[in-house]
C-alpha atoms as a PDB file:
ATOM      1  CA  MET A   1      94.629  78.832 304.668  1.00  0.00           C
ATOM      2  CA  GLY A   2      96.558  81.400 306.607  1.00  0.00           C
ATOM      3  CA  LYS A   3      95.820  84.791 305.204  1.00  0.00           C
ATOM      4  CA  ALA A   4      98.089  86.200 302.531  1.00  0.00           C
ATOM      5  CA  PRO A   5      99.997  89.253 303.693  1.00  0.00           C
ATOM      6  CA  ASN A   6      98.266  92.598 303.273  1.00  0.00           C
ATOM      7  CA  PRO A   7      98.331  93.407 299.521  1.00  0.00           C
ATOM      8  CA  ASP A   8      99.624  96.925 300.281  1.00  0.00           C
ATOM      9  CA  SER A   9     102.719  95.517 301.974  1.00  0.00           C
ATOM     10  CA  PHE A  10     103.084  92.279 299.972  1.00  0.00           C
ATOM     11  CA  ASN A  11     105.613  93.746 297.538  1.00  0.00           C
ATOM     12  CA  GLU A  12     107.746  95.030 300.407  1.00  0.00           C
ATOM     13  CA  ILE A  13     108.111  91.638 302.087  1.00  0.00           C
ATOM     14  CA  LYS A  14     111.472  89.958 301.456  1.00  0.00           C
ATOM     15  CA  GLU A  15     110.701  86.721 303.288  1.00  0.00           C
ATOM     16  CA  LEU A  16     107.242  85.105 303.145  1.00  0.00           C
ATOM     17  CA  PRO A  17     106.759  82.607 305.997  1.00  0.00           C
ATOM     18  CA  VAL A  18     104.569  79.583 305.206  1.00  0.00           C
ATOM     19  CA  VAL A  19     103.827  76.238 306.837  1.00  0.00           C
ATOM     20  CA  VAL A  20     103.591  72.807 305.234  1.00  0.00           C
ATOM     21  CA  GLY A  21     102.081  69.852 307.059  1.00  0.00           C
ATOM     22  CA  PHE A  22     102.431  66.309 305.761  1.00  0.00           C
ATOM     23  CA  LEU A  23      99.980  63.698 307.039  1.00  0.00           C
ATOM     24  CA  VAL A  24     100.846  60.004 306.994  1.00  0.00           C
ATOM     25  CA  ARG A  25      98.989  56.839 307.952  1.00  0.00           C
ATOM     26  CA  GLY A  26     100.409  53.375 307.573  1.00  0.00           C
ATOM     27  CA  ASN A  27     102.662  53.482 304.524  1.00  0.00           C
ATOM     28  CA  GLU A  28     100.807  56.345 302.798  1.00  0.00           C
ATOM     29  CA  VAL A  29     101.013  60.110 302.638  1.00  0.00           C
ATOM     30  CA  LEU A  30      98.054  62.432 302.028  1.00  0.00           C
ATOM     31  CA  LEU A  31      98.133  64.601 298.918  1.00  0.00           C
ATOM     32  CA  LEU A  32      95.668  67.464 298.447  1.00  0.00           C
ATOM     33  CA  ARG A  33      94.937  68.986 295.027  1.00  0.00           C
ATOM     34  CA  ARG A  34      94.638  72.759 295.100  1.00  0.00           C
ATOM     35  CA  SER A  35      91.402  74.089 293.654  1.00  0.00           C
ATOM     36  CA  ASP A  36      90.746  76.730 290.999  1.00  0.00           C
ATOM     37  CA  ASN A  37      90.089  79.134 293.880  1.00  0.00           C
ATOM     38  CA  MET A  38      93.770  79.224 294.815  1.00  0.00           C
ATOM     39  CA  PRO A  39      95.715  82.109 293.290  1.00  0.00           C
ATOM     40  CA  SER A  40      98.999  80.209 293.338  1.00  0.00           C
ATOM     41  CA  PHE A  41      99.582  76.738 291.919  1.00  0.00           C
ATOM     42  CA  PRO A  42      95.978  75.684 291.209  1.00  0.00           C
ATOM     43  CA  HIS A  43      95.607  71.982 290.375  1.00  0.00           C
ATOM     44  CA  ARG A  44      98.968  71.143 291.942  1.00  0.00           C
ATOM     45  CA  TRP A  45      99.197  68.414 294.553  1.00  0.00           C
ATOM     46  CA  GLY A  46     100.673  69.114 297.956  1.00  0.00           C
ATOM     47  CA  GLY A  47     100.461  68.742 301.681  1.00  0.00           C
ATOM     48  CA  VAL A  48      98.580  71.174 303.866  1.00  0.00           C
ATOM     49  CA  HIS A  49      99.859  74.703 303.156  1.00  0.00           C
ATOM     50  CA  GLY A  50      99.267  78.136 304.631  1.00  0.00           C
ATOM     51  CA  PHE A  51     100.761  81.528 305.342  1.00  0.00           C
ATOM     52  CA  LEU A  52     102.160  81.949 308.844  1.00  0.00           C
ATOM     53  CA  ASP A  53      99.728  84.380 310.517  1.00  0.00           C
ATOM     54  CA  ILE A  54     100.838  83.839 314.110  1.00  0.00           C
ATOM     55  CA  ASP A  55     104.164  83.492 315.920  1.00  0.00           C
ATOM     56  CA  ASP A  56     103.920  79.718 316.360  1.00  0.00           C
ATOM     57  CA  PRO A  57     104.435  77.686 313.142  1.00  0.00           C
ATOM     58  CA  LEU A  58     103.280  74.421 314.766  1.00  0.00           C
ATOM     59  CA  GLU A  59     100.050  75.976 316.013  1.00  0.00           C
ATOM     60  CA  GLN A  60      99.479  77.520 312.578  1.00  0.00           C
ATOM     61  CA  THR A  61      99.959  74.087 311.000  1.00  0.00           C
ATOM     62  CA  PHE A  62      97.393  72.518 313.348  1.00  0.00           C
ATOM     63  CA  GLN A  63      94.936  75.261 312.340  1.00  0.00           C
ATOM     64  CA  GLU A  64      95.611  74.740 308.622  1.00  0.00           C
ATOM     65  CA  ILE A  65      95.153  70.964 308.920  1.00  0.00           C
ATOM     66  CA  GLU A  66      91.786  71.381 310.613  1.00  0.00           C
ATOM     67  CA  GLU A  67      90.639  74.004 308.081  1.00  0.00           C
ATOM     68  CA  GLU A  68      91.762  72.105 304.978  1.00  0.00           C
ATOM     69  CA  THR A  69      91.037  68.503 306.012  1.00  0.00           C
ATOM     70  CA  GLY A  70      88.670  68.639 308.990  1.00  0.00           C
ATOM     71  CA  ILE A  71      91.146  66.611 311.065  1.00  0.00           C
ATOM     72  CA  VAL A  72      91.481  67.894 314.630  1.00  0.00           C
ATOM     73  CA  ARG A  73      94.772  67.885 316.526  1.00  0.00           C
ATOM     74  CA  GLU A  74      93.617  65.090 318.845  1.00  0.00           C
ATOM     75  CA  LYS A  75      93.782  62.733 315.850  1.00  0.00           C
ATOM     76  CA  LEU A  76      97.357  63.786 315.010  1.00  0.00           C
ATOM     77  CA  THR A  77     100.741  62.802 316.394  1.00  0.00           C
ATOM     78  CA  LEU A  78     103.696  65.056 315.606  1.00  0.00           C
ATOM     79  CA  LEU A  79     106.489  62.875 314.220  1.00  0.00           C
ATOM     80  CA  GLY A  80     109.004  65.398 312.998  1.00  0.00           C
ATOM     81  CA  LYS A  81     109.841  68.894 311.860  1.00  0.00           C
ATOM     82  CA  LEU A  82     112.494  70.682 309.875  1.00  0.00           C
ATOM     83  CA  GLU A  83     114.359  73.847 310.573  1.00  0.00           C
ATOM     84  CA  PRO A  84     112.864  76.524 308.304  1.00  0.00           C
ATOM     85  CA  ARG A  85     114.193  76.504 304.749  1.00  0.00           C
ATOM     86  CA  CYS A  86     114.183  79.423 302.344  1.00  0.00           C
ATOM     87  CA  TYR A  87     113.399  78.982 298.667  1.00  0.00           C
ATOM     88  CA  ALA A  88     113.654  81.647 296.006  1.00  0.00           C
ATOM     89  CA  ASP A  89     110.410  83.185 294.803  1.00  0.00           C
ATOM     90  CA  ASN A  90     110.568  82.545 291.057  1.00  0.00           C
ATOM     91  CA  SER A  91     108.528  85.666 290.396  1.00  0.00           C
ATOM     92  CA  ARG A  92     111.024  87.930 292.212  1.00  0.00           C
ATOM     93  CA  ASP A  93     114.767  87.771 292.681  1.00  0.00           C
ATOM     94  CA  ASP A  94     114.757  89.613 296.011  1.00  0.00           C
ATOM     95  CA  ARG A  95     112.217  87.485 297.905  1.00  0.00           C
ATOM     96  CA  CYS A  96     112.121  83.991 299.370  1.00  0.00           C
ATOM     97  CA  TRP A  97     109.546  81.648 300.839  1.00  0.00           C
ATOM     98  CA  LYS A  98     110.507  80.642 304.391  1.00  0.00           C
ATOM     99  CA  VAL A  99     109.003  77.168 304.781  1.00  0.00           C
ATOM    100  CA  PHE A 100     108.268  75.555 308.166  1.00  0.00           C
ATOM    101  CA  THR A 101     107.666  71.830 307.596  1.00  0.00           C
ATOM    102  CA  PHE A 102     105.992  69.279 309.896  1.00  0.00           C
ATOM    103  CA  LEU A 103     105.159  65.569 309.670  1.00  0.00           C
ATOM    104  CA  PHE A 104     102.138  64.082 311.461  1.00  0.00           C
ATOM    105  CA  GLU A 105     100.744  60.604 311.825  1.00  0.00           C
ATOM    106  CA  VAL A 106      96.968  60.521 311.446  1.00  0.00           C
ATOM    107  CA  SER A 107      94.569  58.275 313.291  1.00  0.00           C
ATOM    108  CA  LEU A 108      93.262  55.596 310.939  1.00  0.00           C
ATOM    109  CA  LYS A 109      89.734  56.645 311.938  1.00  0.00           C
ATOM    110  CA  ALA A 110      90.209  60.253 310.807  1.00  0.00           C
ATOM    111  CA  GLU A 111      88.020  61.203 307.855  1.00  0.00           C
ATOM    112  CA  ILE A 112      88.973  63.896 305.339  1.00  0.00           C
ATOM    113  CA  ARG A 113      86.591  66.817 304.816  1.00  0.00           C
ATOM    114  CA  LEU A 114      87.959  69.261 302.240  1.00  0.00           C
ATOM    115  CA  ASP A 115      87.343  73.000 302.306  1.00  0.00           C
ATOM    116  CA  TRP A 116      87.366  75.392 299.323  1.00  0.00           C
ATOM    117  CA  GLU A 117      91.167  75.416 299.021  1.00  0.00           C
ATOM    118  CA  ASN A 118      91.391  71.858 297.687  1.00  0.00           C
ATOM    119  CA  ASP A 119      89.130  69.860 295.396  1.00  0.00           C
ATOM    120  CA  ASP A 120      90.507  66.336 295.713  1.00  0.00           C
ATOM    121  CA  TYR A 121      92.745  64.169 297.867  1.00  0.00           C
ATOM    122  CA  LEU A 122      94.635  60.893 297.626  1.00  0.00           C
ATOM    123  CA  TRP A 123      96.468  58.622 300.018  1.00  0.00           C
ATOM    124  CA  ILE A 124      99.530  57.378 298.119  1.00  0.00           C
ATOM    125  CA  SER A 125     102.763  55.546 298.671  1.00  0.00           C
ATOM    126  CA  PRO A 126     105.530  58.132 299.076  1.00  0.00           C
ATOM    127  CA  LEU A 127     107.440  56.181 296.445  1.00  0.00           C
ATOM    128  CA  HIS A 128     104.867  57.467 293.899  1.00  0.00           C
ATOM    129  CA  LEU A 129     105.141  61.151 294.844  1.00  0.00           C
ATOM    130  CA  SER A 130     107.162  61.983 291.733  1.00  0.00           C
ATOM    131  CA  ARG A 131     104.260  60.832 289.523  1.00  0.00           C
ATOM    132  CA  TYR A 132     102.228  63.909 290.478  1.00  0.00           C
ATOM    133  CA  THR A 133     102.519  67.572 289.530  1.00  0.00           C
ATOM    134  CA  THR A 134     103.210  69.008 292.963  1.00  0.00           C
ATOM    135  CA  MET A 135     103.910  72.267 294.706  1.00  0.00           C
ATOM    136  CA  PRO A 136     107.544  73.397 294.340  1.00  0.00           C
ATOM    137  CA  HIS A 137     110.048  71.459 296.475  1.00  0.00           C
ATOM    138  CA  LEU A 138     107.341  69.142 297.856  1.00  0.00           C
ATOM    139  CA  GLY A 139     109.262  65.887 297.353  1.00  0.00           C
ATOM    140  CA  GLU A 140     112.447  67.348 298.794  1.00  0.00           C
ATOM    141  CA  LEU A 141     110.644  68.659 301.891  1.00  0.00           C
ATOM    142  CA  PHE A 142     108.783  65.397 302.435  1.00  0.00           C
ATOM    143  CA  GLU A 143     111.913  63.259 302.169  1.00  0.00           C
ATOM    144  CA  ALA A 144     113.814  65.588 304.510  1.00  0.00           C
ATOM    145  CA  VAL A 145     111.140  65.673 307.222  1.00  0.00           C
ATOM    146  CA  VAL A 146     110.729  61.876 307.080  1.00  0.00           C
ATOM    147  CA  ARG A 147     114.479  61.438 307.504  1.00  0.00           C
ATOM    148  CA  GLU A 148     114.404  63.784 310.529  1.00  0.00           C
ATOM    149  CA  SER A 149     111.438  61.962 312.080  1.00  0.00           C
ATOM    150  CA  ARG A 150     110.886  58.666 313.776  1.00  0.00           C
ATOM    151  CA  TYR A 151     108.694  57.443 310.911  1.00  0.00           C
ATOM    152  CA  SER A 152     109.884  54.742 308.535  1.00  0.00           C
ATOM    153  CA  PHE A 153     109.330  54.715 304.771  1.00  0.00           C
ATOM    154  CA  ASP A 154     111.376  53.165 302.002  1.00  0.00           C
ATOM    155  CA  LEU A 155     112.445  56.360 300.268  1.00  0.00           C
ATOM    156  CA  PRO A 156     114.673  56.567 297.206  1.00  0.00           C
END
């Protein structure tokens, strides 16, 4: 995962940039369950997440995908992206999460190898996304990036 901002400056930051990468194959999307080791939202399901450590959100997302799933960029095809969206930080009124969202198709031969950040994964129909306890705004972001992409799902 991209490193959290320096703890000394964390409280001063008004906008926390993060990346979210969704991986799809066939008619399924990959969900990762965050482990006990994660300080925020343990046991919640999500895509690949990380703090933006570098100036290039797409490059950061490729790095996060490889770290969290073991899938290298050569096995990924970028299908779509969203303009960054800001969401209120529920713990503070004066801060937001600036989310850069990407959608990738994964080679059917790609195997998942989890790191310490996640303890389980599932390939599910996107129609079943609402059945899981997910990271905030996950369903909304997924539906939006699919609509902006050239990928086809039957979404509600």
